[in-house]
Amino acid sequence: MIDRYFPCQRVRERIRSCGCGELLDEFAERLHRRGYASATIRGGVWAVEHFATWLNGQKLKLHDATKDHVRSFLGDHLPVCRCPPPAPVGMYQVRPAINHLARMLRDRRAGSDGASAPPTPVDTELRQFRDHLRRVCGLADSTCDGRVRFTREFLQARYRDGALHLDALKPGEVMAFVAGYAERCRRGTAQVAASSLRSFLRYLQFHGRCAETLIAAVPRIPNWRLSHVPKTMAEEQLQAFLESFDRTTSTGRRDYAMALCQVVLGLRVSEVAALLLNDVAWHCGILRIEDGKGRKSRELPLTKRVGEALAEYIRWGRPPTECRSVFIRHRAPRGAVSVSLVRGAMRLAFARAPGCERWKGTHVLRHTAATNLLQRGATLKEIADVLGHSCVETSTIYAKVNLPSLQAVAMPWPEVQQ
C-alpha cells in the first residue's frame, strides 16, 4: 500500500528504514479503506514515520509507545522540532495520525490475544450485570447501555477502581445517589437513574448478594406519563423544517431522506442509522425495520414521498462504498452514519427553519408522525404497530392531541347556554 502513495523508490526506502514498514503499510491501507484522500494518507504516513523516528532516538519501538510517549512527542518535541522535511510538525496533522495509529494498534492487540488494560472490579461486575440483563431480563441493547451507565457512575463514585464491598452498601448511600439526580436533573432522567440502580440491586438479590430492604431504599421519582401533552410540530413548522434541507447537495439529500423517515414513518433515530439497502423492498413498497428497540422486526409501507427521497439520495447523493447501510458518512472515515450524526443533522435543520429554533431533540418528529396518523383516522393499535410499541398503552398519550375527537366528547361549561 505504501507503493501506491509513494511512487519514488528512494522515499519508500526511507520510510521503511524507520523499522516499522509493515505497520505503515497496514496504517495506509486502514486509512484507504475508510475513504481518506490520498494527500491525507501521505500526510498521515509522514506523521507516523516522524513519531517512529523520534521513538528510535529514545531506543524504543513503535509497539512499545505509551500515552506518556505520545504526550512527550506532541507537547515537548513538536514545538522545538528540527527534524528534516517532510516530517510534519503541525499539531492539526500529527495528532489525528497518532490517534489513528493508537486505534490500529489497540485493534491489533484485541484481535490477536485480547491484551489490553486489565479490567477493574467495576468493569467485571458490570460485564456480569449486562449479561444478566440480556439473558435473564431480555432487555434491548439500548436499555442495557443506559442501566449499565448509571450503575457504573454509582459504583465508581463509591469504590473508584478498588475492590467492591457490595454487601456493605447502606440505604443512605443508595438514597443519596438518587437524590443527587433528582436535584440536578429532570424528573425523567432521575427516574431512569433510580430504575437502573434498582435493577442492579435486584440483580444482586437474584444472586443472593443483597437484601430486599436495600432495594426498598431506592426512592421512587414521581413522573406521571400522561400528565402532559406530547410536543408536536404545527403544519407550518413542519413545512419550514423540511424546506430547510438543501436538496441540491448530496448531504442535503441524505438529511432530507432521514428526516422524512422520522416524520412520516415515525422511525427512531437508531432505526434510521441502522437501515440497510436490503431493508428496502422497492417492488413491494415495503420498508423492513430490523432490531428495533424491542428487538422485534416490523414492516412499514414505503410511501411515495419517502421512497422518492430515498431513491434520489441513493442514485444521486450516496457515495460509492462497500457499506450496505442506506445512509453513509460523506466524509472520511466512510461508513454508516451514527446516531449522533442523525441527531446533529436534525438539530441543524431545526436551527435553520423559522419557528423551529426551540426544538432540540429529535423525538418531536416521531411525535408529529404519530399525531398526524391519529388525526387522519388511524387507531391507537395501528399507531402502536407503526411506531413499534409492544404495548398499545404506550400509544395512549397521543389520544390527548386528537383535538377534534376531544371537542366532540367535551362537556360545555355550566354557564354556557345551550
Foldseek 3Di string as FASTA:
>chain_A
DVCVLDVDPVVLVLLCVLPPSVLLVVLLVVQVQQPADSVLSVLLSLLVSLLSNVVVVVVHGPLPDDPVSVCCCLPPALVVPPDDPPRDSDCVNNVVSVVSSVVVSQVVCCVPPNDDPDAFQLRVLLVVLLVCCCPVVVFAPVLSVLLSVLVSVLCCVVANRHDDPLLPDDLVSLQVSLVVCVVPHDLVVSQSSLVSVLSSQVVCVVVPRHDPVSSVSRDHRDDDPLPDADAADDPLQVVLLLVLQDCVALVSLLLSLLLCCCQALVEDLQQLLQAFPVQQPPVVQWGWGACDRSRDIAIDGNDPVSVVSLVCNQVPRDDDHPEGHSDWDPHGSIYTDDSVVSLVSSQVSLCRGPPSPPDRGPSNSSLNNLLVCVLVPDDLVVSCRSNVPPDSVVSVSSVVVNVVVCVVPDDDDPVDDD
